[in-house]
Amino acid sequence: MRKRPFLLHTRLLFWADGMTIAPWLVLVHPRARGDRGLIAHESVHCEQMRRTGTVKFWLLYLLSRRFRLACEVEAYRESLRHHEGGLRYFARHLAEGYFLGITADEAERLLINGV
């Protein structure tokens, strides 16, 4: 069972619904308040930071497309458990929002099968 991070609701996060800052802190835009899929997604990132270490996580996330892809696929697969029918929606976000160089079809396959 994952530890629940502290959720800080802020409008300063205007480019996304949520963002994990540290293993214990997640920023959430008020429009996404109560979105269980988003909280589950960000909780995966918290766990990834715990496993990797916060500084190492951020360095790898920013510099390694392969690491970023693996992290986001793991997190979006958890989101899908809370949003049935969201496969195409999440695949499009994965393909377009993270500078991964993949198509929505490729993202969909990754979300179904894993990395």
PDB file of N, CA and C in Angstrom:
ATOM      1  N   MET A   1       0.837  -1.190   0.000  1.00  0.00           N
ATOM      2  CA  MET A   1       0.000   0.000   0.000  1.00  0.00           C
ATOM      3  C   MET A   1       0.879   1.250   0.000  1.00  0.00           C
ATOM      4  N   ARG A   2       0.556   2.189  -0.864  1.00  0.00           N
ATOM      5  CA  ARG A   2       1.355   3.408  -0.982  1.00  0.00           C
ATOM      6  C   ARG A   2       0.986   4.402   0.115  1.00  0.00           C
ATOM      7  N   LYS A   3       1.984   5.118   0.601  1.00  0.00           N
ATOM      8  CA  LYS A   3       1.727   6.200   1.543  1.00  0.00           C
ATOM      9  C   LYS A   3       1.057   7.338   0.794  1.00  0.00           C
ATOM     10  N   ARG A   4       0.078   7.954   1.416  1.00  0.00           N
ATOM     11  CA  ARG A   4      -0.613   9.070   0.783  1.00  0.00           C
ATOM     12  C   ARG A   4       0.211  10.344   0.996  1.00  0.00           C
ATOM     13  N   PRO A   5       0.545  11.037  -0.076  1.00  0.00           N
ATOM     14  CA  PRO A   5       1.331  12.272   0.047  1.00  0.00           C
ATOM     15  C   PRO A   5       0.466  13.426   0.545  1.00  0.00           C
ATOM     16  N   PHE A   6       1.112  14.483   0.997  1.00  0.00           N
ATOM     17  CA  PHE A   6       0.407  15.714   1.342  1.00  0.00           C
ATOM     18  C   PHE A   6       0.010  16.390   0.032  1.00  0.00           C
ATOM     19  N   LEU A   7      -1.253  16.752  -0.099  1.00  0.00           N
ATOM     20  CA  LEU A   7      -1.757  17.405  -1.310  1.00  0.00           C
ATOM     21  C   LEU A   7      -1.886  18.894  -1.057  1.00  0.00           C
ATOM     22  N   LEU A   8      -1.197  19.681  -1.849  1.00  0.00           N
ATOM     23  CA  LEU A   8      -1.283  21.134  -1.758  1.00  0.00           C
ATOM     24  C   LEU A   8      -2.043  21.629  -2.979  1.00  0.00           C
ATOM     25  N   HIS A   9      -3.248  22.145  -2.752  1.00  0.00           N
ATOM     26  CA  HIS A   9      -4.076  22.643  -3.854  1.00  0.00           C
ATOM     27  C   HIS A   9      -3.675  24.081  -4.159  1.00  0.00           C
ATOM     28  N   THR A  10      -3.309  24.326  -5.412  1.00  0.00           N
ATOM     29  CA  THR A  10      -2.842  25.652  -5.805  1.00  0.00           C
ATOM     30  C   THR A  10      -3.159  25.944  -7.265  1.00  0.00           C
ATOM     31  N   ARG A  11      -3.553  27.166  -7.529  1.00  0.00           N
ATOM     32  CA  ARG A  11      -3.784  27.615  -8.905  1.00  0.00           C
ATOM     33  C   ARG A  11      -2.466  27.965  -9.606  1.00  0.00           C
ATOM     34  N   LEU A  12      -1.373  28.016  -8.868  1.00  0.00           N
ATOM     35  CA  LEU A  12      -0.069  28.296  -9.477  1.00  0.00           C
ATOM     36  C   LEU A  12       0.341  27.193 -10.444  1.00  0.00           C
ATOM     37  N   LEU A  13      -0.210  26.016 -10.267  1.00  0.00           N
ATOM     38  CA  LEU A  13       0.044  24.894 -11.168  1.00  0.00           C
ATOM     39  C   LEU A  13      -0.967  24.999 -12.308  1.00  0.00           C
ATOM     40  N   PHE A  14      -0.702  25.887 -13.250  1.00  0.00           N
ATOM     41  CA  PHE A  14      -1.676  26.165 -14.313  1.00  0.00           C
ATOM     42  C   PHE A  14      -1.476  25.285 -15.542  1.00  0.00           C
ATOM     43  N   TRP A  15      -0.324  24.642 -15.690  1.00  0.00           N
ATOM     44  CA  TRP A  15      -0.016  23.858 -16.887  1.00  0.00           C
ATOM     45  C   TRP A  15      -0.373  22.379 -16.738  1.00  0.00           C
ATOM     46  N   ALA A  16      -0.765  21.966 -15.544  1.00  0.00           N
ATOM     47  CA  ALA A  16      -1.075  20.549 -15.316  1.00  0.00           C
ATOM     48  C   ALA A  16      -2.097  20.429 -14.194  1.00  0.00           C
ATOM     49  N   ASP A  17      -2.696  19.263 -14.090  1.00  0.00           N
ATOM     50  CA  ASP A  17      -3.630  19.010 -12.990  1.00  0.00           C
ATOM     51  C   ASP A  17      -2.898  18.639 -11.710  1.00  0.00           C
ATOM     52  N   GLY A  18      -1.732  18.002 -11.845  1.00  0.00           N
ATOM     53  CA  GLY A  18      -0.980  17.603 -10.669  1.00  0.00           C
ATOM     54  C   GLY A  18       0.495  17.473 -10.977  1.00  0.00           C
ATOM     55  N   MET A  19       1.308  17.580  -9.921  1.00  0.00           N
ATOM     56  CA  MET A  19       2.755  17.442 -10.084  1.00  0.00           C
ATOM     57  C   MET A  19       3.367  17.018  -8.752  1.00  0.00           C
ATOM     58  N   THR A  20       4.123  15.950  -8.791  1.00  0.00           N
ATOM     59  CA  THR A  20       4.824  15.478  -7.603  1.00  0.00           C
ATOM     60  C   THR A  20       6.130  16.250  -7.475  1.00  0.00           C
ATOM     61  N   ILE A  21       6.317  16.855  -6.326  1.00  0.00           N
ATOM     62  CA  ILE A  21       7.515  17.648  -6.063  1.00  0.00           C
ATOM     63  C   ILE A  21       8.540  16.834  -5.274  1.00  0.00           C
ATOM     64  N   ALA A  22       8.048  16.097  -4.300  1.00  0.00           N
ATOM     65  CA  ALA A  22       8.888  15.280  -3.422  1.00  0.00           C
ATOM     66  C   ALA A  22       8.089  14.034  -3.050  1.00  0.00           C
ATOM     67  N   PRO A  23       8.718  13.045  -2.451  1.00  0.00           N
ATOM     68  CA  PRO A  23       7.998  11.810  -2.125  1.00  0.00           C
ATOM     69  C   PRO A  23       6.803  12.016  -1.199  1.00  0.00           C
ATOM     70  N   TRP A  24       6.742  13.161  -0.574  1.00  0.00           N
ATOM     71  CA  TRP A  24       5.667  13.438   0.378  1.00  0.00           C
ATOM     72  C   TRP A  24       4.788  14.619  -0.029  1.00  0.00           C
ATOM     73  N   LEU A  25       5.070  15.262  -1.182  1.00  0.00           N
ATOM     74  CA  LEU A  25       4.353  16.480  -1.564  1.00  0.00           C
ATOM     75  C   LEU A  25       3.902  16.450  -3.017  1.00  0.00           C
ATOM     76  N   VAL A  26       2.596  16.640  -3.205  1.00  0.00           N
ATOM     77  CA  VAL A  26       2.015  16.706  -4.544  1.00  0.00           C
ATOM     78  C   VAL A  26       1.230  18.007  -4.665  1.00  0.00           C
ATOM     79  N   LEU A  27       1.511  18.760  -5.726  1.00  0.00           N
ATOM     80  CA  LEU A  27       0.715  19.945  -6.038  1.00  0.00           C
ATOM     81  C   LEU A  27      -0.462  19.507  -6.897  1.00  0.00           C
ATOM     82  N   VAL A  28      -1.651  20.027  -6.588  1.00  0.00           N
ATOM     83  CA  VAL A  28      -2.856  19.686  -7.337  1.00  0.00           C
ATOM     84  C   VAL A  28      -3.600  20.971  -7.651  1.00  0.00           C
ATOM     85  N   HIS A  29      -3.965  21.145  -8.921  1.00  0.00           N
ATOM     86  CA  HIS A  29      -4.788  22.292  -9.294  1.00  0.00           C
ATOM     87  C   HIS A  29      -6.190  22.058  -8.739  1.00  0.00           C
ATOM     88  N   PRO A  30      -6.852  23.112  -8.245  1.00  0.00           N
ATOM     89  CA  PRO A  30      -8.194  22.945  -7.684  1.00  0.00           C
ATOM     90  C   PRO A  30      -9.196  22.278  -8.631  1.00  0.00           C
ATOM     91  N   ARG A  31      -9.026  22.433  -9.945  1.00  0.00           N
ATOM     92  CA  ARG A  31      -9.953  21.802 -10.889  1.00  0.00           C
ATOM     93  C   ARG A  31      -9.892  20.275 -10.808  1.00  0.00           C
ATOM     94  N   ALA A  32      -8.798  19.739 -10.250  1.00  0.00           N
ATOM     95  CA  ALA A  32      -8.625  18.287 -10.170  1.00  0.00           C
ATOM     96  C   ALA A  32      -8.834  17.755  -8.750  1.00  0.00           C
ATOM     97  N   ARG A  33      -9.323  18.601  -7.875  1.00  0.00           N
ATOM     98  CA  ARG A  33      -9.567  18.185  -6.486  1.00  0.00           C
ATOM     99  C   ARG A  33     -10.474  16.951  -6.469  1.00  0.00           C
ATOM    100  N   GLY A  34     -10.060  15.949  -5.745  1.00  0.00           N
ATOM    101  CA  GLY A  34     -10.877  14.749  -5.610  1.00  0.00           C
ATOM    102  C   GLY A  34     -10.736  13.735  -6.732  1.00  0.00           C
ATOM    103  N   ASP A  35      -9.878  13.985  -7.708  1.00  0.00           N
ATOM    104  CA  ASP A  35      -9.683  13.044  -8.818  1.00  0.00           C
ATOM    105  C   ASP A  35      -8.809  11.890  -8.322  1.00  0.00           C
ATOM    106  N   ARG A  36      -9.435  10.756  -8.031  1.00  0.00           N
ATOM    107  CA  ARG A  36      -8.710   9.614  -7.473  1.00  0.00           C
ATOM    108  C   ARG A  36      -7.649   9.078  -8.429  1.00  0.00           C
ATOM    109  N   GLY A  37      -7.941   9.126  -9.718  1.00  0.00           N
ATOM    110  CA  GLY A  37      -6.961   8.665 -10.698  1.00  0.00           C
ATOM    111  C   GLY A  37      -5.710   9.519 -10.690  1.00  0.00           C
ATOM    112  N   LEU A  38      -5.897  10.834 -10.580  1.00  0.00           N
ATOM    113  CA  LEU A  38      -4.749  11.744 -10.525  1.00  0.00           C
ATOM    114  C   LEU A  38      -3.928  11.498  -9.258  1.00  0.00           C
ATOM    115  N   ILE A  39      -4.608  11.362  -8.134  1.00  0.00           N
ATOM    116  CA  ILE A  39      -3.891  11.126  -6.879  1.00  0.00           C
ATOM    117  C   ILE A  39      -3.138   9.795  -6.946  1.00  0.00           C
ATOM    118  N   ALA A  40      -3.757   8.783  -7.528  1.00  0.00           N
ATOM    119  CA  ALA A  40      -3.079   7.487  -7.689  1.00  0.00           C
ATOM    120  C   ALA A  40      -1.849   7.634  -8.582  1.00  0.00           C
ATOM    121  N   HIS A  41      -1.996   8.389  -9.685  1.00  0.00           N
ATOM    122  CA  HIS A  41      -0.895   8.637 -10.623  1.00  0.00           C
ATOM    123  C   HIS A  41       0.271   9.316  -9.896  1.00  0.00           C
ATOM    124  N   GLU A  42      -0.034  10.379  -9.179  1.00  0.00           N
ATOM    125  CA  GLU A  42       1.022  11.125  -8.488  1.00  0.00           C
ATOM    126  C   GLU A  42       1.620  10.307  -7.344  1.00  0.00           C
ATOM    127  N   SER A  43       0.814   9.462  -6.713  1.00  0.00           N
ATOM    128  CA  SER A  43       1.333   8.591  -5.652  1.00  0.00           C
ATOM    129  C   SER A  43       2.360   7.604  -6.201  1.00  0.00           C
ATOM    130  N   VAL A  44       2.162   7.170  -7.441  1.00  0.00           N
ATOM    131  CA  VAL A  44       3.164   6.309  -8.086  1.00  0.00           C
ATOM    132  C   VAL A  44       4.482   7.070  -8.209  1.00  0.00           C
ATOM    133  N   HIS A  45       4.405   8.332  -8.623  1.00  0.00           N
ATOM    134  CA  HIS A  45       5.634   9.129  -8.725  1.00  0.00           C
ATOM    135  C   HIS A  45       6.290   9.304  -7.351  1.00  0.00           C
ATOM    136  N   CYS A  46       5.485   9.458  -6.301  1.00  0.00           N
ATOM    137  CA  CYS A  46       6.048   9.546  -4.944  1.00  0.00           C
ATOM    138  C   CYS A  46       6.830   8.280  -4.617  1.00  0.00           C
ATOM    139  N   GLU A  47       6.245   7.131  -4.933  1.00  0.00           N
ATOM    140  CA  GLU A  47       6.916   5.854  -4.675  1.00  0.00           C
ATOM    141  C   GLU A  47       8.184   5.724  -5.524  1.00  0.00           C
ATOM    142  N   GLN A  48       8.120   6.179  -6.771  1.00  0.00           N
ATOM    143  CA  GLN A  48       9.306   6.147  -7.630  1.00  0.00           C
ATOM    144  C   GLN A  48      10.423   6.995  -7.030  1.00  0.00           C
ATOM    145  N   MET A  49      10.067   8.147  -6.470  1.00  0.00           N
ATOM    146  CA  MET A  49      11.063   9.009  -5.831  1.00  0.00           C
ATOM    147  C   MET A  49      11.650   8.346  -4.599  1.00  0.00           C
ATOM    148  N   ARG A  50      10.808   7.655  -3.834  1.00  0.00           N
ATOM    149  CA  ARG A  50      11.318   6.948  -2.654  1.00  0.00           C
ATOM    150  C   ARG A  50      12.324   5.875  -3.063  1.00  0.00           C
ATOM    151  N   ARG A  51      12.006   5.151  -4.125  1.00  0.00           N
ATOM    152  CA  ARG A  51      12.889   4.072  -4.593  1.00  0.00           C
ATOM    153  C   ARG A  51      14.203   4.617  -5.141  1.00  0.00           C
ATOM    154  N   THR A  52      14.123   5.726  -5.869  1.00  0.00           N
ATOM    155  CA  THR A  52      15.270   6.244  -6.608  1.00  0.00           C
ATOM    156  C   THR A  52      16.062   7.289  -5.835  1.00  0.00           C
ATOM    157  N   GLY A  53      15.380   8.006  -4.959  1.00  0.00           N
ATOM    158  CA  GLY A  53      15.955   9.185  -4.315  1.00  0.00           C
ATOM    159  C   GLY A  53      15.480  10.408  -5.079  1.00  0.00           C
ATOM    160  N   THR A  54      15.096  11.439  -4.377  1.00  0.00           N
ATOM    161  CA  THR A  54      14.458  12.591  -5.008  1.00  0.00           C
ATOM    162  C   THR A  54      15.355  13.272  -6.036  1.00  0.00           C
ATOM    163  N   VAL A  55      16.581  13.576  -5.665  1.00  0.00           N
ATOM    164  CA  VAL A  55      17.481  14.283  -6.591  1.00  0.00           C
ATOM    165  C   VAL A  55      17.785  13.416  -7.803  1.00  0.00           C
ATOM    166  N   LYS A  56      18.103  12.148  -7.572  1.00  0.00           N
ATOM    167  CA  LYS A  56      18.399  11.242  -8.686  1.00  0.00           C
ATOM    168  C   LYS A  56      17.173  11.081  -9.587  1.00  0.00           C
ATOM    169  N   PHE A  57      15.985  10.974  -8.970  1.00  0.00           N
ATOM    170  CA  PHE A  57      14.755  10.861  -9.757  1.00  0.00           C
ATOM    171  C   PHE A  57      14.622  12.055 -10.698  1.00  0.00           C
ATOM    172  N   TRP A  58      14.733  13.276 -10.144  1.00  0.00           N
ATOM    173  CA  TRP A  58      14.540  14.467 -10.975  1.00  0.00           C
ATOM    174  C   TRP A  58      15.596  14.573 -12.071  1.00  0.00           C
ATOM    175  N   LEU A  59      16.836  14.240 -11.767  1.00  0.00           N
ATOM    176  CA  LEU A  59      17.877  14.279 -12.805  1.00  0.00           C
ATOM    177  C   LEU A  59      17.562  13.295 -13.924  1.00  0.00           C
ATOM    178  N   LEU A  60      17.232  12.066 -13.554  1.00  0.00           N
ATOM    179  CA  LEU A  60      16.902  11.064 -14.571  1.00  0.00           C
ATOM    180  C   LEU A  60      15.632  11.439 -15.327  1.00  0.00           C
ATOM    181  N   TYR A  61      14.634  11.925 -14.610  1.00  0.00           N
ATOM    182  CA  TYR A  61      13.359  12.281 -15.240  1.00  0.00           C
ATOM    183  C   TYR A  61      13.564  13.385 -16.287  1.00  0.00           C
ATOM    184  N   LEU A  62      14.370  14.363 -15.944  1.00  0.00           N
ATOM    185  CA  LEU A  62      14.598  15.488 -16.858  1.00  0.00           C
ATOM    186  C   LEU A  62      15.542  15.136 -18.006  1.00  0.00           C
ATOM    187  N   LEU A  63      16.511  14.254 -17.768  1.00  0.00           N
ATOM    188  CA  LEU A  63      17.551  13.994 -18.763  1.00  0.00           C
ATOM    189  C   LEU A  63      17.374  12.712 -19.572  1.00  0.00           C
ATOM    190  N   SER A  64      16.589  11.775 -19.066  1.00  0.00           N
ATOM    191  CA  SER A  64      16.470  10.480 -19.734  1.00  0.00           C
ATOM    192  C   SER A  64      15.049  10.226 -20.227  1.00  0.00           C
ATOM    193  N   ARG A  65      14.898  10.217 -21.530  1.00  0.00           N
ATOM    194  CA  ARG A  65      13.588   9.931 -22.120  1.00  0.00           C
ATOM    195  C   ARG A  65      13.116   8.538 -21.712  1.00  0.00           C
ATOM    196  N   ARG A  66      14.019   7.582 -21.701  1.00  0.00           N
ATOM    197  CA  ARG A  66      13.667   6.197 -21.350  1.00  0.00           C
ATOM    198  C   ARG A  66      13.155   6.105 -19.901  1.00  0.00           C
ATOM    199  N   PHE A  67      13.839   6.776 -18.978  1.00  0.00           N
ATOM    200  CA  PHE A  67      13.410   6.775 -17.575  1.00  0.00           C
ATOM    201  C   PHE A  67      12.053   7.459 -17.434  1.00  0.00           C
ATOM    202  N   ARG A  68      11.903   8.624 -18.076  1.00  0.00           N
ATOM    203  CA  ARG A  68      10.644   9.378 -18.017  1.00  0.00           C
ATOM    204  C   ARG A  68       9.493   8.541 -18.567  1.00  0.00           C
ATOM    205  N   LEU A  69       9.734   7.860 -19.679  1.00  0.00           N
ATOM    206  CA  LEU A  69       8.712   7.005 -20.282  1.00  0.00           C
ATOM    207  C   LEU A  69       8.302   5.896 -19.313  1.00  0.00           C
ATOM    208  N   ALA A  70       9.274   5.216 -18.726  1.00  0.00           N
ATOM    209  CA  ALA A  70       8.965   4.129 -17.789  1.00  0.00           C
ATOM    210  C   ALA A  70       8.166   4.645 -16.593  1.00  0.00           C
ATOM    211  N   CYS A  71       8.557   5.801 -16.067  1.00  0.00           N
ATOM    212  CA  CYS A  71       7.844   6.383 -14.923  1.00  0.00           C
ATOM    213  C   CYS A  71       6.409   6.738 -15.282  1.00  0.00           C
ATOM    214  N   GLU A  72       6.230   7.378 -16.420  1.00  0.00           N
ATOM    215  CA  GLU A  72       4.884   7.809 -16.804  1.00  0.00           C
ATOM    216  C   GLU A  72       3.987   6.637 -17.187  1.00  0.00           C
ATOM    217  N   VAL A  73       4.543   5.632 -17.837  1.00  0.00           N
ATOM    218  CA  VAL A  73       3.728   4.452 -18.163  1.00  0.00           C
ATOM    219  C   VAL A  73       3.248   3.797 -16.870  1.00  0.00           C
ATOM    220  N   GLU A  74       4.142   3.630 -15.909  1.00  0.00           N
ATOM    221  CA  GLU A  74       3.744   3.038 -14.625  1.00  0.00           C
ATOM    222  C   GLU A  74       2.644   3.873 -13.963  1.00  0.00           C
ATOM    223  N   ALA A  75       2.800   5.190 -13.964  1.00  0.00           N
ATOM    224  CA  ALA A  75       1.822   6.066 -13.311  1.00  0.00           C
ATOM    225  C   ALA A  75       0.487   6.094 -14.058  1.00  0.00           C
ATOM    226  N   TYR A  76       0.527   6.163 -15.379  1.00  0.00           N
ATOM    227  CA  TYR A  76      -0.727   6.184 -16.146  1.00  0.00           C
ATOM    228  C   TYR A  76      -1.449   4.843 -16.084  1.00  0.00           C
ATOM    229  N   ARG A  77      -0.723   3.763 -15.976  1.00  0.00           N
ATOM    230  CA  ARG A  77      -1.384   2.456 -15.816  1.00  0.00           C
ATOM    231  C   ARG A  77      -2.166   2.427 -14.502  1.00  0.00           C
ATOM    232  N   GLU A  78      -1.629   3.062 -13.482  1.00  0.00           N
ATOM    233  CA  GLU A  78      -2.369   3.168 -12.214  1.00  0.00           C
ATOM    234  C   GLU A  78      -3.586   4.075 -12.387  1.00  0.00           C
ATOM    235  N   SER A  79      -3.444   5.172 -13.120  1.00  0.00           N
ATOM    236  CA  SER A  79      -4.588   6.062 -13.389  1.00  0.00           C
ATOM    237  C   SER A  79      -5.720   5.308 -14.067  1.00  0.00           C
ATOM    238  N   LEU A  80      -5.369   4.430 -14.988  1.00  0.00           N
ATOM    239  CA  LEU A  80      -6.381   3.665 -15.726  1.00  0.00           C
ATOM    240  C   LEU A  80      -7.222   2.779 -14.817  1.00  0.00           C
ATOM    241  N   ARG A  81      -6.670   2.348 -13.712  1.00  0.00           N
ATOM    242  CA  ARG A  81      -7.445   1.543 -12.760  1.00  0.00           C
ATOM    243  C   ARG A  81      -8.603   2.344 -12.171  1.00  0.00           C
ATOM    244  N   HIS A  82      -8.501   3.660 -12.205  1.00  0.00           N
ATOM    245  CA  HIS A  82      -9.527   4.531 -11.626  1.00  0.00           C
ATOM    246  C   HIS A  82     -10.414   5.182 -12.678  1.00  0.00           C
ATOM    247  N   HIS A  83     -10.022   5.107 -13.928  1.00  0.00           N
ATOM    248  CA  HIS A  83     -10.772   5.741 -15.023  1.00  0.00           C
ATOM    249  C   HIS A  83     -10.957   4.742 -16.153  1.00  0.00           C
ATOM    250  N   GLU A  84     -11.918   3.854 -16.006  1.00  0.00           N
ATOM    251  CA  GLU A  84     -12.195   2.902 -17.082  1.00  0.00           C
ATOM    252  C   GLU A  84     -12.581   3.679 -18.333  1.00  0.00           C
ATOM    253  N   GLY A  85     -12.130   3.208 -19.451  1.00  0.00           N
ATOM    254  CA  GLY A  85     -12.444   3.890 -20.701  1.00  0.00           C
ATOM    255  C   GLY A  85     -11.530   5.065 -20.998  1.00  0.00           C
ATOM    256  N   GLY A  86     -10.520   5.292 -20.155  1.00  0.00           N
ATOM    257  CA  GLY A  86      -9.629   6.421 -20.355  1.00  0.00           C
ATOM    258  C   GLY A  86      -8.372   6.102 -21.141  1.00  0.00           C
ATOM    259  N   LEU A  87      -8.295   4.899 -21.697  1.00  0.00           N
ATOM    260  CA  LEU A  87      -7.066   4.462 -22.366  1.00  0.00           C
ATOM    261  C   LEU A  87      -6.634   5.430 -23.457  1.00  0.00           C
ATOM    262  N   ARG A  88      -7.517   5.764 -24.369  1.00  0.00           N
ATOM    263  CA  ARG A  88      -7.151   6.644 -25.488  1.00  0.00           C
ATOM    264  C   ARG A  88      -6.768   8.037 -24.987  1.00  0.00           C
ATOM    265  N   TYR A  89      -7.520   8.534 -24.013  1.00  0.00           N
ATOM    266  CA  TYR A  89      -7.256   9.852 -23.423  1.00  0.00           C
ATOM    267  C   TYR A  89      -5.853   9.885 -22.797  1.00  0.00           C
ATOM    268  N   PHE A  90      -5.548   8.891 -21.969  1.00  0.00           N
ATOM    269  CA  PHE A  90      -4.242   8.860 -21.314  1.00  0.00           C
ATOM    270  C   PHE A  90      -3.120   8.602 -22.313  1.00  0.00           C
ATOM    271  N   ALA A  91      -3.383   7.787 -23.320  1.00  0.00           N
ATOM    272  CA  ALA A  91      -2.367   7.526 -24.351  1.00  0.00           C
ATOM    273  C   ALA A  91      -2.013   8.817 -25.084  1.00  0.00           C
ATOM    274  N   ARG A  92      -3.012   9.619 -25.390  1.00  0.00           N
ATOM    275  CA  ARG A  92      -2.762  10.892 -26.067  1.00  0.00           C
ATOM    276  C   ARG A  92      -1.932  11.823 -25.176  1.00  0.00           C
ATOM    277  N   HIS A  93      -2.278  11.888 -23.885  1.00  0.00           N
ATOM    278  CA  HIS A  93      -1.501  12.722 -22.954  1.00  0.00           C
ATOM    279  C   HIS A  93      -0.061  12.232 -22.839  1.00  0.00           C
ATOM    280  N   LEU A  94       0.104  10.933 -22.760  1.00  0.00           N
ATOM    281  CA  LEU A  94       1.447  10.357 -22.662  1.00  0.00           C
ATOM    282  C   LEU A  94       2.262  10.681 -23.911  1.00  0.00           C
ATOM    283  N   ALA A  95       1.638  10.571 -25.068  1.00  0.00           N
ATOM    284  CA  ALA A  95       2.342  10.806 -26.334  1.00  0.00           C
ATOM    285  C   ALA A  95       2.670  12.279 -26.551  1.00  0.00           C
ATOM    286  N   GLU A  96       1.801  13.162 -26.095  1.00  0.00           N
ATOM    287  CA  GLU A  96       1.950  14.584 -26.427  1.00  0.00           C
ATOM    288  C   GLU A  96       2.537  15.441 -25.314  1.00  0.00           C
ATOM    289  N   GLY A  97       2.498  14.978 -24.076  1.00  0.00           N
ATOM    290  CA  GLY A  97       2.813  15.871 -22.982  1.00  0.00           C
ATOM    291  C   GLY A  97       4.166  15.738 -22.318  1.00  0.00           C
ATOM    292  N   TYR A  98       4.997  14.825 -22.770  1.00  0.00           N
ATOM    293  CA  TYR A  98       6.224  14.551 -22.018  1.00  0.00           C
ATOM    294  C   TYR A  98       7.485  14.511 -22.880  1.00  0.00           C
ATOM    295  N   PHE A  99       7.415  14.980 -24.100  1.00  0.00           N
ATOM    296  CA  PHE A  99       8.581  14.994 -24.998  1.00  0.00           C
ATOM    297  C   PHE A  99       9.206  13.603 -25.127  1.00  0.00           C
ATOM    298  N   LEU A 100       8.355  12.609 -25.359  1.00  0.00           N
ATOM    299  CA  LEU A 100       8.819  11.222 -25.414  1.00  0.00           C
ATOM    300  C   LEU A 100       9.069  10.719 -26.822  1.00  0.00           C
ATOM    301  N   GLY A 101       8.580  11.420 -27.823  1.00  0.00           N
ATOM    302  CA  GLY A 101       8.803  10.995 -29.201  1.00  0.00           C
ATOM    303  C   GLY A 101       8.060   9.728 -29.572  1.00  0.00           C
ATOM    304  N   ILE A 102       6.871   9.532 -29.002  1.00  0.00           N
ATOM    305  CA  ILE A 102       6.060   8.364 -29.340  1.00  0.00           C
ATOM    306  C   ILE A 102       4.692   8.823 -29.843  1.00  0.00           C
ATOM    307  N   THR A 103       4.037   7.959 -30.580  1.00  0.00           N
ATOM    308  CA  THR A 103       2.694   8.257 -31.074  1.00  0.00           C
ATOM    309  C   THR A 103       1.667   7.821 -30.036  1.00  0.00           C
ATOM    310  N   ALA A 104       0.439   8.268 -30.232  1.00  0.00           N
ATOM    311  CA  ALA A 104      -0.648   7.855 -29.341  1.00  0.00           C
ATOM    312  C   ALA A 104      -0.875   6.348 -29.433  1.00  0.00           C
ATOM    313  N   ASP A 105      -0.720   5.781 -30.626  1.00  0.00           N
ATOM    314  CA  ASP A 105      -0.872   4.327 -30.775  1.00  0.00           C
ATOM    315  C   ASP A 105       0.212   3.572 -30.005  1.00  0.00           C
ATOM    316  N   GLU A 106       1.446   4.061 -30.085  1.00  0.00           N
ATOM    317  CA  GLU A 106       2.537   3.435 -29.329  1.00  0.00           C
ATOM    318  C   GLU A 106       2.287   3.565 -27.825  1.00  0.00           C
ATOM    319  N   ALA A 107       1.826   4.746 -27.413  1.00  0.00           N
ATOM    320  CA  ALA A 107       1.526   4.970 -25.997  1.00  0.00           C
ATOM    321  C   ALA A 107       0.422   4.033 -25.525  1.00  0.00           C
ATOM    322  N   GLU A 108      -0.579   3.840 -26.360  1.00  0.00           N
ATOM    323  CA  GLU A 108      -1.678   2.941 -26.002  1.00  0.00           C
ATOM    324  C   GLU A 108      -1.160   1.515 -25.796  1.00  0.00           C
ATOM    325  N   ARG A 109      -0.303   1.057 -26.691  1.00  0.00           N
ATOM    326  CA  ARG A 109       0.271  -0.286 -26.541  1.00  0.00           C
ATOM    327  C   ARG A 109       1.081  -0.399 -25.242  1.00  0.00           C
ATOM    328  N   LEU A 110       1.845   0.642 -24.928  1.00  0.00           N
ATOM    329  CA  LEU A 110       2.627   0.632 -23.691  1.00  0.00           C
ATOM    330  C   LEU A 110       1.725   0.604 -22.457  1.00  0.00           C
ATOM    331  N   LEU A 111       0.622   1.336 -22.516  1.00  0.00           N
ATOM    332  CA  LEU A 111      -0.292   1.358 -21.375  1.00  0.00           C
ATOM    333  C   LEU A 111      -0.987   0.013 -21.183  1.00  0.00           C
ATOM    334  N   ILE A 112      -1.185  -0.699 -22.262  1.00  0.00           N
ATOM    335  CA  ILE A 112      -1.804  -2.027 -22.172  1.00  0.00           C
ATOM    336  C   ILE A 112      -0.791  -3.064 -21.700  1.00  0.00           C
ATOM    337  N   ASN A 113       0.404  -3.036 -22.278  1.00  0.00           N
ATOM    338  CA  ASN A 113       1.397  -4.097 -22.056  1.00  0.00           C
ATOM    339  C   ASN A 113       2.498  -3.751 -21.060  1.00  0.00           C
ATOM    340  N   GLY A 114       2.685  -2.483 -20.744  1.00  0.00           N
ATOM    341  CA  GLY A 114       3.796  -2.058 -19.901  1.00  0.00           C
ATOM    342  C   GLY A 114       5.040  -1.821 -20.742  1.00  0.00           C
ATOM    343  N   VAL A 115       6.074  -1.322 -20.107  1.00  0.00           N
ATOM    344  CA  VAL A 115       7.319  -0.994 -20.818  1.00  0.00           C
ATOM    345  C   VAL A 115       8.142  -2.243 -21.031  1.00  0.00           C
TER     346      VAL A 115
END
